[in-house]
Amino acid sequence: MSVRVGPYADGAAEWDAFARAQTGYTHFHKFGWKALIEDVFGHECLYLAARNGSGALVGVLPLVRVKSIVFGHYLVSMPFVNYGGPLGTAEAIIALGEAAQVEARVSDAKLLELRSRTELPLDMPVSHRKILVTLELPADPEALFNTFDRKLRARIRKPQKEGVTVRFGADQVEPFFRVFSEHMRDLGTPTLPKRLFEQIVARFPHDSWFACAWYNGQPVAAGAGFRWGNEFEITWASALTAFHVIAPNMLLYWEFMRRAIAEGVTVFNFGRCTPNGGTHKFKLQWGSRDETIWWYQRTADGVAEAGTPSPDSGRFSFGPRIWKRLPLGLATALGPEIVRFIP
């Protein structure tokens, strides 16, 4: 090959300028995620670059090692979020993919997973166990509202009539986490650390959006996501079960859409989900469509399709039943120490 692959040793400007121009680019390809993951989770980040014979950058791959005694050893691009994978020319992508597989083999990683938004020229097994749901946005929010059926419009109006309001801003991180951590406990899943969200808004103040739906002075639903290019993704969304009857999450999503339209966004991304599950059905009710994502894998034992640790697997299936019973304070304190090893 005429490209060479090695650790990326230069600054963020070159990496980000190159990555933004590539097909398949997402917010999670930004170089700033490297320092954030190292700081918040303490994981080793192996950011790789492919250069041509002239030394010009022709490909990049953000790669993170997540390793623990309990869950195992994973190389993921990118952990905790929906996308990553190599960007660049076809030749560079192939070279980066091969370099990642060599690293996985040499370091005895249980799984290498390259989570790409688009199909790549990689000779690796691919998993479609997750899908995206996206919605094309018109220039006028009223035009979008009029495309919704009567039932959906009524569910958006209900929390408005109940007095629910939605606030955006960096000051919403703390109430966002209150809702998010309780929601995760109720699902039986350890919560991500509050520090992650604090660092996101500190490092990406213009790209990250945090919002909470408030009812009688209390945050009852919350969401956070990222803007890149002409797209916004709502990466995390939660609502308190006790307020399900007034559907605050419906108004929350609608206000995210209205803000996206106001800022010139043309694609609203609901994030990933499992096909045909309840979350999938929720996302489709907005008139959105499914989109295939490509998670390329190399497993140490040659399994055709594998995944990172999941409560659905037999080995960990007892976890959610126990976690749901924990006091909220204890679950919130313990959760980040567990979930940091579940990419």
C-alpha atoms as a PDB file:
ATOM      1  CA  MET A   1       0.000   0.000   0.000  1.00  0.00           C
ATOM      2  CA  SER A   2       1.057   3.559  -0.604  1.00  0.00           C
ATOM      3  CA  VAL A   3      -0.223   4.751   2.771  1.00  0.00           C
ATOM      4  CA  ARG A   4       1.347   4.251   6.159  1.00  0.00           C
ATOM      5  CA  VAL A   5      -0.527   4.027   9.451  1.00  0.00           C
ATOM      6  CA  GLY A   6       0.705   5.139  12.844  1.00  0.00           C
ATOM      7  CA  PRO A   7      -0.329   6.955  16.007  1.00  0.00           C
ATOM      8  CA  TYR A   8      -1.619  10.459  15.382  1.00  0.00           C
ATOM      9  CA  ALA A   9       0.837  12.863  17.006  1.00  0.00           C
ATOM     10  CA  ASP A  10      -0.306  16.290  15.779  1.00  0.00           C
ATOM     11  CA  GLY A  11      -2.880  18.773  16.977  1.00  0.00           C
ATOM     12  CA  ALA A  12      -6.659  18.856  16.823  1.00  0.00           C
ATOM     13  CA  ALA A  13      -6.834  21.367  13.962  1.00  0.00           C
ATOM     14  CA  GLU A  14      -5.449  19.042  11.275  1.00  0.00           C
ATOM     15  CA  TRP A  15      -7.476  16.056  12.482  1.00  0.00           C
ATOM     16  CA  ASP A  16     -10.770  17.965  12.727  1.00  0.00           C
ATOM     17  CA  ALA A  17     -10.384  19.776   9.398  1.00  0.00           C
ATOM     18  CA  PHE A  18      -9.732  16.467   7.651  1.00  0.00           C
ATOM     19  CA  ALA A  19     -12.466  14.520   9.456  1.00  0.00           C
ATOM     20  CA  ARG A  20     -15.177  17.125   8.780  1.00  0.00           C
ATOM     21  CA  ALA A  21     -14.638  16.802   5.038  1.00  0.00           C
ATOM     22  CA  GLN A  22     -15.126  13.015   4.945  1.00  0.00           C
ATOM     23  CA  THR A  23     -18.174  10.904   4.174  1.00  0.00           C
ATOM     24  CA  GLY A  24     -19.481   9.330   7.361  1.00  0.00           C
ATOM     25  CA  TYR A  25     -18.207  12.110   9.638  1.00  0.00           C
ATOM     26  CA  THR A  26     -20.025  12.511  12.963  1.00  0.00           C
ATOM     27  CA  HIS A  27     -19.491  14.628  16.042  1.00  0.00           C
ATOM     28  CA  PHE A  28     -17.789  11.674  17.725  1.00  0.00           C
ATOM     29  CA  HIS A  29     -14.929  11.852  15.242  1.00  0.00           C
ATOM     30  CA  LYS A  30     -13.842  15.188  16.727  1.00  0.00           C
ATOM     31  CA  PHE A  31     -10.386  15.054  18.248  1.00  0.00           C
ATOM     32  CA  GLY A  32     -11.715  16.586  21.460  1.00  0.00           C
ATOM     33  CA  TRP A  33     -13.316  13.270  22.389  1.00  0.00           C
ATOM     34  CA  LYS A  34      -9.859  11.792  22.980  1.00  0.00           C
ATOM     35  CA  ALA A  35      -9.057  14.018  25.966  1.00  0.00           C
ATOM     36  CA  LEU A  36     -12.631  13.764  27.231  1.00  0.00           C
ATOM     37  CA  ILE A  37     -12.591   9.941  27.324  1.00  0.00           C
ATOM     38  CA  GLU A  38      -9.129   9.864  28.864  1.00  0.00           C
ATOM     39  CA  ASP A  39     -10.155  12.380  31.521  1.00  0.00           C
ATOM     40  CA  VAL A  40     -13.613  11.020  32.406  1.00  0.00           C
ATOM     41  CA  PHE A  41     -13.082   7.266  31.998  1.00  0.00           C
ATOM     42  CA  GLY A  42      -9.309   6.835  32.133  1.00  0.00           C
ATOM     43  CA  HIS A  43      -9.311   4.632  29.015  1.00  0.00           C
ATOM     44  CA  GLU A  44      -6.388   4.379  26.605  1.00  0.00           C
ATOM     45  CA  CYS A  45      -7.132   6.164  23.317  1.00  0.00           C
ATOM     46  CA  LEU A  46      -5.301   4.839  20.261  1.00  0.00           C
ATOM     47  CA  TYR A  47      -5.956   7.532  17.673  1.00  0.00           C
ATOM     48  CA  LEU A  48      -4.513   6.364  14.349  1.00  0.00           C
ATOM     49  CA  ALA A  49      -3.640   8.319  11.214  1.00  0.00           C
ATOM     50  CA  ALA A  50      -3.007   7.190   7.643  1.00  0.00           C
ATOM     51  CA  ARG A  51      -0.666   9.346   5.534  1.00  0.00           C
ATOM     52  CA  ASN A  52       0.384   9.133   1.908  1.00  0.00           C
ATOM     53  CA  GLY A  53       3.912   9.207   0.563  1.00  0.00           C
ATOM     54  CA  SER A  54       3.966  13.005   0.823  1.00  0.00           C
ATOM     55  CA  GLY A  55       2.951  12.923   4.468  1.00  0.00           C
ATOM     56  CA  ALA A  56      -0.529  14.282   3.837  1.00  0.00           C
ATOM     57  CA  LEU A  57      -3.330  12.989   6.037  1.00  0.00           C
ATOM     58  CA  VAL A  58      -5.594  10.598   4.078  1.00  0.00           C
ATOM     59  CA  GLY A  59      -7.360   8.743   6.886  1.00  0.00           C
ATOM     60  CA  VAL A  60      -8.119   8.825  10.619  1.00  0.00           C
ATOM     61  CA  LEU A  61      -9.437   6.305  13.141  1.00  0.00           C
ATOM     62  CA  PRO A  62     -10.378   7.142  16.751  1.00  0.00           C
ATOM     63  CA  LEU A  63     -10.003   3.918  18.741  1.00  0.00           C
ATOM     64  CA  VAL A  64     -10.473   3.330  22.473  1.00  0.00           C
ATOM     65  CA  ARG A  65      -9.376   0.407  24.648  1.00  0.00           C
ATOM     66  CA  VAL A  66     -11.921  -0.570  27.312  1.00  0.00           C
ATOM     67  CA  LYS A  67     -10.547  -3.311  29.553  1.00  0.00           C
ATOM     68  CA  SER A  68     -11.652  -4.903  32.810  1.00  0.00           C
ATOM     69  CA  ILE A  69     -11.419  -8.233  34.608  1.00  0.00           C
ATOM     70  CA  VAL A  70     -15.195  -8.647  34.845  1.00  0.00           C
ATOM     71  CA  PHE A  71     -16.370  -7.639  31.372  1.00  0.00           C
ATOM     72  CA  GLY A  72     -13.301  -8.266  29.235  1.00  0.00           C
ATOM     73  CA  HIS A  73     -11.112  -6.404  26.765  1.00  0.00           C
ATOM     74  CA  TYR A  74     -12.623  -4.353  23.934  1.00  0.00           C
ATOM     75  CA  LEU A  75     -11.338  -2.019  21.253  1.00  0.00           C
ATOM     76  CA  VAL A  76     -14.177   0.249  20.160  1.00  0.00           C
ATOM     77  CA  SER A  77     -14.627   3.217  17.872  1.00  0.00           C
ATOM     78  CA  MET A  78     -16.381   4.833  19.613  1.00  0.00           C
ATOM     79  CA  PRO A  79     -17.486   3.551  23.038  1.00  0.00           C
ATOM     80  CA  PHE A  80     -20.643   4.836  24.795  1.00  0.00           C
ATOM     81  CA  VAL A  81     -21.921   6.473  21.580  1.00  0.00           C
ATOM     82  CA  ASN A  82     -23.293   5.350  18.228  1.00  0.00           C
ATOM     83  CA  TYR A  83     -20.562   6.026  15.694  1.00  0.00           C
ATOM     84  CA  GLY A  84     -16.867   6.062  15.022  1.00  0.00           C
ATOM     85  CA  GLY A  85     -14.853   4.003  12.598  1.00  0.00           C
ATOM     86  CA  PRO A  86     -12.250   5.059  10.056  1.00  0.00           C
ATOM     87  CA  LEU A  87     -12.676   8.037   7.729  1.00  0.00           C
ATOM     88  CA  GLY A  88     -10.751   8.861   4.572  1.00  0.00           C
ATOM     89  CA  THR A  89      -9.911   7.389   1.192  1.00  0.00           C
ATOM     90  CA  ALA A  90     -10.838   3.775   0.505  1.00  0.00           C
ATOM     91  CA  GLU A  91      -7.165   2.789   0.633  1.00  0.00           C
ATOM     92  CA  ALA A  92      -6.697   4.569   3.958  1.00  0.00           C
ATOM     93  CA  ILE A  93      -9.828   3.021   5.466  1.00  0.00           C
ATOM     94  CA  ILE A  94      -8.620  -0.456   4.523  1.00  0.00           C
ATOM     95  CA  ALA A  95      -5.177   0.234   5.991  1.00  0.00           C
ATOM     96  CA  LEU A  96      -6.643   1.632   9.209  1.00  0.00           C
ATOM     97  CA  GLY A  97      -8.997  -1.318   9.536  1.00  0.00           C
ATOM     98  CA  GLU A  98      -6.109  -3.749   9.125  1.00  0.00           C
ATOM     99  CA  ALA A  99      -4.021  -1.859  11.681  1.00  0.00           C
ATOM    100  CA  ALA A 100      -6.896  -2.004  14.174  1.00  0.00           C
ATOM    101  CA  GLN A 101      -7.249  -5.762  13.619  1.00  0.00           C
ATOM    102  CA  VAL A 102      -3.527  -6.254  14.172  1.00  0.00           C
ATOM    103  CA  GLU A 103      -3.757  -4.302  17.437  1.00  0.00           C
ATOM    104  CA  ALA A 104      -6.748  -6.389  18.523  1.00  0.00           C
ATOM    105  CA  ARG A 105      -4.905  -9.623  17.780  1.00  0.00           C
ATOM    106  CA  VAL A 106      -1.612  -8.587  19.389  1.00  0.00           C
ATOM    107  CA  SER A 107      -3.287  -7.231  22.518  1.00  0.00           C
ATOM    108  CA  ASP A 108      -5.698 -10.182  22.702  1.00  0.00           C
ATOM    109  CA  ALA A 109      -8.844  -8.061  22.614  1.00  0.00           C
ATOM    110  CA  LYS A 110     -12.082 -10.006  22.940  1.00  0.00           C
ATOM    111  CA  LEU A 111     -13.792  -7.756  20.384  1.00  0.00           C
ATOM    112  CA  LEU A 112     -12.833  -5.020  17.946  1.00  0.00           C
ATOM    113  CA  GLU A 113     -15.883  -2.982  16.925  1.00  0.00           C
ATOM    114  CA  LEU A 114     -15.781  -0.114  14.422  1.00  0.00           C
ATOM    115  CA  ARG A 115     -19.165   1.629  14.603  1.00  0.00           C
ATOM    116  CA  SER A 116     -19.591   3.308  11.243  1.00  0.00           C
ATOM    117  CA  ARG A 117     -22.454   5.504  10.079  1.00  0.00           C
ATOM    118  CA  THR A 118     -21.847   4.330   6.498  1.00  0.00           C
ATOM    119  CA  GLU A 119     -20.793   1.183   4.675  1.00  0.00           C
ATOM    120  CA  LEU A 120     -17.000   0.831   4.456  1.00  0.00           C
ATOM    121  CA  PRO A 121     -14.669  -1.159   2.177  1.00  0.00           C
ATOM    122  CA  LEU A 122     -13.591  -3.436   5.035  1.00  0.00           C
ATOM    123  CA  ASP A 123     -13.237  -7.200   4.821  1.00  0.00           C
ATOM    124  CA  MET A 124     -14.748  -7.722   8.273  1.00  0.00           C
ATOM    125  CA  PRO A 125     -18.017  -9.213   9.539  1.00  0.00           C
ATOM    126  CA  VAL A 126     -20.638  -6.528  10.038  1.00  0.00           C
ATOM    127  CA  SER A 127     -23.438  -6.295  12.604  1.00  0.00           C
ATOM    128  CA  HIS A 128     -26.754  -4.557  11.996  1.00  0.00           C
ATOM    129  CA  ARG A 129     -28.117  -5.336  15.454  1.00  0.00           C
ATOM    130  CA  LYS A 130     -28.828  -1.634  15.914  1.00  0.00           C
ATOM    131  CA  ILE A 131     -30.459   0.831  13.538  1.00  0.00           C
ATOM    132  CA  LEU A 132     -30.882   4.601  13.341  1.00  0.00           C
ATOM    133  CA  VAL A 133     -34.131   6.483  12.978  1.00  0.00           C
ATOM    134  CA  THR A 134     -33.974   9.858  11.226  1.00  0.00           C
ATOM    135  CA  LEU A 135     -36.451  12.538  10.193  1.00  0.00           C
ATOM    136  CA  GLU A 136     -36.108  15.111   7.417  1.00  0.00           C
ATOM    137  CA  LEU A 137     -36.946  18.568   8.747  1.00  0.00           C
ATOM    138  CA  PRO A 138     -38.712  21.263   6.724  1.00  0.00           C
ATOM    139  CA  ALA A 139     -37.800  24.938   7.076  1.00  0.00           C
ATOM    140  CA  ASP A 140     -40.974  25.724   9.039  1.00  0.00           C
ATOM    141  CA  PRO A 141     -41.884  23.971  12.331  1.00  0.00           C
ATOM    142  CA  GLU A 142     -45.585  24.495  11.652  1.00  0.00           C
ATOM    143  CA  ALA A 143     -45.227  22.544   8.411  1.00  0.00           C
ATOM    144  CA  LEU A 144     -43.650  19.691  10.354  1.00  0.00           C
ATOM    145  CA  PHE A 145     -46.352  19.792  13.046  1.00  0.00           C
ATOM    146  CA  ASN A 146     -49.036  19.522  10.370  1.00  0.00           C
ATOM    147  CA  THR A 147     -47.513  16.259   9.087  1.00  0.00           C
ATOM    148  CA  PHE A 148     -48.163  14.576  12.451  1.00  0.00           C
ATOM    149  CA  ASP A 149     -51.370  12.612  12.922  1.00  0.00           C
ATOM    150  CA  ARG A 150     -54.031  13.822  15.346  1.00  0.00           C
ATOM    151  CA  LYS A 151     -52.945  11.476  18.111  1.00  0.00           C
ATOM    152  CA  LEU A 152     -49.342  12.691  18.017  1.00  0.00           C
ATOM    153  CA  ARG A 153     -50.356  16.360  17.945  1.00  0.00           C
ATOM    154  CA  ALA A 154     -52.588  15.778  20.967  1.00  0.00           C
ATOM    155  CA  ARG A 155     -49.748  14.093  22.882  1.00  0.00           C
ATOM    156  CA  ILE A 156     -47.508  17.127  22.244  1.00  0.00           C
ATOM    157  CA  ARG A 157     -50.220  19.565  23.321  1.00  0.00           C
ATOM    158  CA  LYS A 158     -51.114  17.653  26.508  1.00  0.00           C
ATOM    159  CA  PRO A 159     -47.977  18.562  28.511  1.00  0.00           C
ATOM    160  CA  GLN A 160     -48.276  22.149  27.265  1.00  0.00           C
ATOM    161  CA  LYS A 161     -51.808  22.315  28.668  1.00  0.00           C
ATOM    162  CA  GLU A 162     -50.552  20.807  31.941  1.00  0.00           C
ATOM    163  CA  GLY A 163     -48.035  23.648  32.277  1.00  0.00           C
ATOM    164  CA  VAL A 164     -44.875  21.786  31.281  1.00  0.00           C
ATOM    165  CA  THR A 165     -42.112  24.032  29.912  1.00  0.00           C
ATOM    166  CA  VAL A 166     -38.786  23.173  28.274  1.00  0.00           C
ATOM    167  CA  ARG A 167     -35.502  24.946  28.987  1.00  0.00           C
ATOM    168  CA  PHE A 168     -32.227  24.668  27.082  1.00  0.00           C
ATOM    169  CA  GLY A 169     -28.740  25.576  28.253  1.00  0.00           C
ATOM    170  CA  ALA A 170     -25.609  24.560  30.099  1.00  0.00           C
ATOM    171  CA  ASP A 171     -27.469  25.127  33.371  1.00  0.00           C
ATOM    172  CA  GLN A 172     -29.674  22.149  32.482  1.00  0.00           C
ATOM    173  CA  VAL A 173     -26.861  19.599  32.890  1.00  0.00           C
ATOM    174  CA  GLU A 174     -27.481  19.094  36.609  1.00  0.00           C
ATOM    175  CA  PRO A 175     -31.271  18.591  36.330  1.00  0.00           C
ATOM    176  CA  PHE A 176     -30.697  16.505  33.188  1.00  0.00           C
ATOM    177  CA  PHE A 177     -28.533  14.155  35.224  1.00  0.00           C
ATOM    178  CA  ARG A 178     -31.107  13.928  37.999  1.00  0.00           C
ATOM    179  CA  VAL A 179     -33.698  12.669  35.537  1.00  0.00           C
ATOM    180  CA  PHE A 180     -31.247  10.538  33.560  1.00  0.00           C
ATOM    181  CA  SER A 181     -29.779   8.728  36.570  1.00  0.00           C
ATOM    182  CA  GLU A 182     -33.215   7.909  38.027  1.00  0.00           C
ATOM    183  CA  HIS A 183     -34.468   6.730  34.638  1.00  0.00           C
ATOM    184  CA  MET A 184     -31.443   4.454  34.215  1.00  0.00           C
ATOM    185  CA  ARG A 185     -31.904   3.005  37.712  1.00  0.00           C
ATOM    186  CA  ASP A 186     -35.538   2.252  36.898  1.00  0.00           C
ATOM    187  CA  LEU A 187     -34.437   0.468  33.718  1.00  0.00           C
ATOM    188  CA  GLY A 188     -31.977  -1.603  35.741  1.00  0.00           C
ATOM    189  CA  THR A 189     -28.958  -0.083  33.999  1.00  0.00           C
ATOM    190  CA  PRO A 190     -25.939   1.641  35.620  1.00  0.00           C
ATOM    191  CA  THR A 191     -25.777   5.342  34.838  1.00  0.00           C
ATOM    192  CA  LEU A 192     -23.020   7.123  33.001  1.00  0.00           C
ATOM    193  CA  PRO A 193     -21.153   9.587  35.244  1.00  0.00           C
ATOM    194  CA  LYS A 194     -22.367  13.125  35.746  1.00  0.00           C
ATOM    195  CA  ARG A 195     -18.826  14.258  34.974  1.00  0.00           C
ATOM    196  CA  LEU A 196     -19.219  13.012  31.389  1.00  0.00           C
ATOM    197  CA  PHE A 197     -22.050  15.446  30.739  1.00  0.00           C
ATOM    198  CA  GLU A 198     -20.293  18.278  32.559  1.00  0.00           C
ATOM    199  CA  GLN A 199     -17.234  17.740  30.383  1.00  0.00           C
ATOM    200  CA  ILE A 200     -19.313  17.518  27.211  1.00  0.00           C
ATOM    201  CA  VAL A 201     -20.873  20.924  27.773  1.00  0.00           C
ATOM    202  CA  ALA A 202     -17.507  22.385  28.834  1.00  0.00           C
ATOM    203  CA  ARG A 203     -15.584  21.028  25.827  1.00  0.00           C
ATOM    204  CA  PHE A 204     -18.334  21.315  23.198  1.00  0.00           C
ATOM    205  CA  PRO A 205     -20.390  24.326  24.338  1.00  0.00           C
ATOM    206  CA  HIS A 206     -21.677  25.174  20.866  1.00  0.00           C
ATOM    207  CA  ASP A 207     -22.300  21.634  19.588  1.00  0.00           C
ATOM    208  CA  SER A 208     -23.993  20.031  22.602  1.00  0.00           C
ATOM    209  CA  TRP A 209     -27.603  20.755  23.514  1.00  0.00           C
ATOM    210  CA  PHE A 210     -29.021  19.968  26.961  1.00  0.00           C
ATOM    211  CA  ALA A 211     -32.696  20.449  27.806  1.00  0.00           C
ATOM    212  CA  CYS A 212     -35.160  19.583  30.551  1.00  0.00           C
ATOM    213  CA  ALA A 213     -38.947  19.547  30.664  1.00  0.00           C
ATOM    214  CA  TRP A 214     -40.111  21.174  33.913  1.00  0.00           C
ATOM    215  CA  TYR A 215     -43.383  20.608  35.740  1.00  0.00           C
ATOM    216  CA  ASN A 216     -44.279  22.374  38.985  1.00  0.00           C
ATOM    217  CA  GLY A 217     -40.633  23.313  39.548  1.00  0.00           C
ATOM    218  CA  GLN A 218     -39.307  19.787  38.962  1.00  0.00           C
ATOM    219  CA  PRO A 219     -37.395  18.353  35.977  1.00  0.00           C
ATOM    220  CA  VAL A 220     -39.494  15.421  34.706  1.00  0.00           C
ATOM    221  CA  ALA A 221     -37.935  14.664  31.308  1.00  0.00           C
ATOM    222  CA  ALA A 222     -34.523  15.449  29.865  1.00  0.00           C
ATOM    223  CA  GLY A 223     -32.475  15.084  26.710  1.00  0.00           C
ATOM    224  CA  ALA A 224     -29.014  15.821  25.351  1.00  0.00           C
ATOM    225  CA  GLY A 225     -27.410  15.561  21.949  1.00  0.00           C
ATOM    226  CA  PHE A 226     -25.067  16.980  19.356  1.00  0.00           C
ATOM    227  CA  ARG A 227     -25.207  19.136  16.253  1.00  0.00           C
ATOM    228  CA  TRP A 228     -22.841  18.502  13.374  1.00  0.00           C
ATOM    229  CA  GLY A 229     -23.225  19.759   9.825  1.00  0.00           C
ATOM    230  CA  ASN A 230     -26.909  19.797   8.891  1.00  0.00           C
ATOM    231  CA  GLU A 231     -27.829  17.174  11.480  1.00  0.00           C
ATOM    232  CA  PHE A 232     -28.777  16.988  15.140  1.00  0.00           C
ATOM    233  CA  GLU A 233     -28.779  13.737  17.128  1.00  0.00           C
ATOM    234  CA  ILE A 234     -30.595  13.352  20.430  1.00  0.00           C
ATOM    235  CA  THR A 235     -28.120  10.933  21.995  1.00  0.00           C
ATOM    236  CA  TRP A 236     -29.669  10.544  25.466  1.00  0.00           C
ATOM    237  CA  ALA A 237     -33.298  11.026  26.498  1.00  0.00           C
ATOM    238  CA  SER A 238     -35.078  10.154  29.737  1.00  0.00           C
ATOM    239  CA  ALA A 239     -38.364  10.721  31.528  1.00  0.00           C
ATOM    240  CA  LEU A 240     -39.597   9.994  35.032  1.00  0.00           C
ATOM    241  CA  THR A 241     -42.137   7.174  35.182  1.00  0.00           C
ATOM    242  CA  ALA A 242     -44.276   8.970  37.740  1.00  0.00           C
ATOM    243  CA  PHE A 243     -45.148  11.665  35.174  1.00  0.00           C
ATOM    244  CA  HIS A 244     -45.842   9.374  32.235  1.00  0.00           C
ATOM    245  CA  VAL A 245     -49.508  10.368  32.155  1.00  0.00           C
ATOM    246  CA  ILE A 246     -48.709  13.959  31.118  1.00  0.00           C
ATOM    247  CA  ALA A 247     -46.158  12.839  28.472  1.00  0.00           C
ATOM    248  CA  PRO A 248     -43.448  15.469  29.102  1.00  0.00           C
ATOM    249  CA  ASN A 249     -41.051  13.634  26.786  1.00  0.00           C
ATOM    250  CA  MET A 250     -43.327  14.391  23.813  1.00  0.00           C
ATOM    251  CA  LEU A 251     -42.987  18.136  24.365  1.00  0.00           C
ATOM    252  CA  LEU A 252     -39.262  17.708  25.000  1.00  0.00           C
ATOM    253  CA  TYR A 253     -38.713  16.049  21.616  1.00  0.00           C
ATOM    254  CA  TRP A 254     -40.874  18.625  19.883  1.00  0.00           C
ATOM    255  CA  GLU A 255     -38.878  21.491  21.371  1.00  0.00           C
ATOM    256  CA  PHE A 256     -35.625  19.850  20.234  1.00  0.00           C
ATOM    257  CA  MET A 257     -37.088  19.686  16.717  1.00  0.00           C
ATOM    258  CA  ARG A 258     -38.192  23.316  16.831  1.00  0.00           C
ATOM    259  CA  ARG A 259     -34.746  24.426  17.928  1.00  0.00           C
ATOM    260  CA  ALA A 260     -33.115  22.317  15.214  1.00  0.00           C
ATOM    261  CA  ILE A 261     -35.268  23.941  12.536  1.00  0.00           C
ATOM    262  CA  ALA A 262     -34.553  27.410  13.922  1.00  0.00           C
ATOM    263  CA  GLU A 263     -30.817  26.732  13.615  1.00  0.00           C
ATOM    264  CA  GLY A 264     -31.028  25.482  10.031  1.00  0.00           C
ATOM    265  CA  VAL A 265     -30.751  21.761  10.767  1.00  0.00           C
ATOM    266  CA  THR A 266     -32.364  19.567   8.104  1.00  0.00           C
ATOM    267  CA  VAL A 267     -31.997  16.086   9.666  1.00  0.00           C
ATOM    268  CA  PHE A 268     -33.252  15.138  13.128  1.00  0.00           C
ATOM    269  CA  ASN A 269     -31.545  11.951  14.310  1.00  0.00           C
ATOM    270  CA  PHE A 270     -33.357   9.995  17.041  1.00  0.00           C
ATOM    271  CA  GLY A 271     -30.245   7.895  17.676  1.00  0.00           C
ATOM    272  CA  ARG A 272     -29.847   4.148  17.699  1.00  0.00           C
ATOM    273  CA  CYS A 273     -32.290   1.509  18.863  1.00  0.00           C
ATOM    274  CA  THR A 274     -33.034  -2.191  18.588  1.00  0.00           C
ATOM    275  CA  PRO A 275     -35.251  -3.034  15.588  1.00  0.00           C
ATOM    276  CA  ASN A 276     -38.935  -3.569  16.441  1.00  0.00           C
ATOM    277  CA  GLY A 277     -38.535  -2.691  20.119  1.00  0.00           C
ATOM    278  CA  GLY A 278     -40.636  -0.197  22.030  1.00  0.00           C
ATOM    279  CA  THR A 279     -38.100   2.589  21.551  1.00  0.00           C
ATOM    280  CA  HIS A 280     -38.088   1.919  17.808  1.00  0.00           C
ATOM    281  CA  LYS A 281     -41.874   2.311  17.659  1.00  0.00           C
ATOM    282  CA  PHE A 282     -41.694   5.554  19.660  1.00  0.00           C
ATOM    283  CA  LYS A 283     -39.236   7.012  17.169  1.00  0.00           C
ATOM    284  CA  LEU A 284     -41.215   5.945  14.102  1.00  0.00           C
ATOM    285  CA  GLN A 285     -44.414   7.692  15.219  1.00  0.00           C
ATOM    286  CA  TRP A 286     -42.919  11.046  14.176  1.00  0.00           C
ATOM    287  CA  GLY A 287     -42.950  10.090  10.498  1.00  0.00           C
ATOM    288  CA  SER A 288     -39.263   9.171  10.531  1.00  0.00           C
ATOM    289  CA  ARG A 289     -37.479   6.376   8.677  1.00  0.00           C
ATOM    290  CA  ASP A 290     -35.016   3.630   9.499  1.00  0.00           C
ATOM    291  CA  GLU A 291     -31.386   3.940   8.476  1.00  0.00           C
ATOM    292  CA  THR A 292     -28.849   1.119   8.429  1.00  0.00           C
ATOM    293  CA  ILE A 293     -25.654   1.508  10.433  1.00  0.00           C
ATOM    294  CA  TRP A 294     -22.550  -0.615   9.982  1.00  0.00           C
ATOM    295  CA  TRP A 295     -20.704  -1.990  12.995  1.00  0.00           C
ATOM    296  CA  TYR A 296     -17.639  -3.894  11.744  1.00  0.00           C
ATOM    297  CA  GLN A 297     -16.238  -6.534  14.063  1.00  0.00           C
ATOM    298  CA  ARG A 298     -13.315  -8.825  14.730  1.00  0.00           C
ATOM    299  CA  THR A 299     -13.706 -11.322  17.556  1.00  0.00           C
ATOM    300  CA  ALA A 300     -10.963 -13.298  19.225  1.00  0.00           C
ATOM    301  CA  ASP A 301     -12.988 -16.524  19.014  1.00  0.00           C
ATOM    302  CA  GLY A 302     -14.249 -16.026  15.463  1.00  0.00           C
ATOM    303  CA  VAL A 303     -17.919 -15.575  16.402  1.00  0.00           C
ATOM    304  CA  ALA A 304     -19.753 -14.252  13.354  1.00  0.00           C
ATOM    305  CA  GLU A 305     -21.609 -11.550  15.283  1.00  0.00           C
ATOM    306  CA  ALA A 306     -20.849 -10.447  18.807  1.00  0.00           C
ATOM    307  CA  GLY A 307     -21.424  -7.452  21.005  1.00  0.00           C
ATOM    308  CA  THR A 308     -20.227  -5.557  24.009  1.00  0.00           C
ATOM    309  CA  PRO A 309     -21.657  -6.628  27.415  1.00  0.00           C
ATOM    310  CA  SER A 310     -25.444  -6.508  27.592  1.00  0.00           C
ATOM    311  CA  PRO A 311     -28.014  -7.223  30.305  1.00  0.00           C
ATOM    312  CA  ASP A 312     -29.810  -9.341  27.705  1.00  0.00           C
ATOM    313  CA  SER A 313     -27.001 -11.903  27.810  1.00  0.00           C
ATOM    314  CA  GLY A 314     -27.339 -14.870  30.155  1.00  0.00           C
ATOM    315  CA  ARG A 315     -24.194 -14.058  32.093  1.00  0.00           C
ATOM    316  CA  PHE A 316     -25.415 -10.598  33.163  1.00  0.00           C
ATOM    317  CA  SER A 317     -29.197 -11.054  33.017  1.00  0.00           C
ATOM    318  CA  PHE A 318     -29.484 -10.997  36.813  1.00  0.00           C
ATOM    319  CA  GLY A 319     -28.049  -7.458  36.956  1.00  0.00           C
ATOM    320  CA  PRO A 320     -31.117  -5.390  35.993  1.00  0.00           C
ATOM    321  CA  ARG A 321     -33.345  -7.199  38.479  1.00  0.00           C
ATOM    322  CA  ILE A 322     -30.981  -6.295  41.292  1.00  0.00           C
ATOM    323  CA  TRP A 323     -30.222  -2.786  40.079  1.00  0.00           C
ATOM    324  CA  LYS A 324     -33.875  -1.731  39.954  1.00  0.00           C
ATOM    325  CA  ARG A 325     -34.157  -2.421  43.689  1.00  0.00           C
ATOM    326  CA  LEU A 326     -31.205  -0.274  44.731  1.00  0.00           C
ATOM    327  CA  PRO A 327     -31.787   3.076  46.450  1.00  0.00           C
ATOM    328  CA  LEU A 328     -31.302   5.848  43.898  1.00  0.00           C
ATOM    329  CA  GLY A 329     -28.329   7.382  45.724  1.00  0.00           C
ATOM    330  CA  LEU A 330     -26.494   4.070  45.869  1.00  0.00           C
ATOM    331  CA  ALA A 331     -27.232   3.241  42.223  1.00  0.00           C
ATOM    332  CA  THR A 332     -26.030   6.687  41.133  1.00  0.00           C
ATOM    333  CA  ALA A 333     -22.821   6.336  43.146  1.00  0.00           C
ATOM    334  CA  LEU A 334     -21.993   2.813  41.972  1.00  0.00           C
ATOM    335  CA  GLY A 335     -23.206   3.053  38.391  1.00  0.00           C
ATOM    336  CA  PRO A 336     -20.355   5.055  36.843  1.00  0.00           C
ATOM    337  CA  GLU A 337     -17.758   2.630  38.234  1.00  0.00           C
ATOM    338  CA  ILE A 338     -19.487  -0.223  36.419  1.00  0.00           C
ATOM    339  CA  VAL A 339     -20.649   1.372  33.185  1.00  0.00           C
ATOM    340  CA  ARG A 340     -17.216   2.767  32.333  1.00  0.00           C
ATOM    341  CA  PHE A 341     -16.263  -0.790  31.358  1.00  0.00           C
ATOM    342  CA  ILE A 342     -19.402  -1.393  29.231  1.00  0.00           C
ATOM    343  CA  PRO A 343     -18.738   0.383  25.944  1.00  0.00           C
END
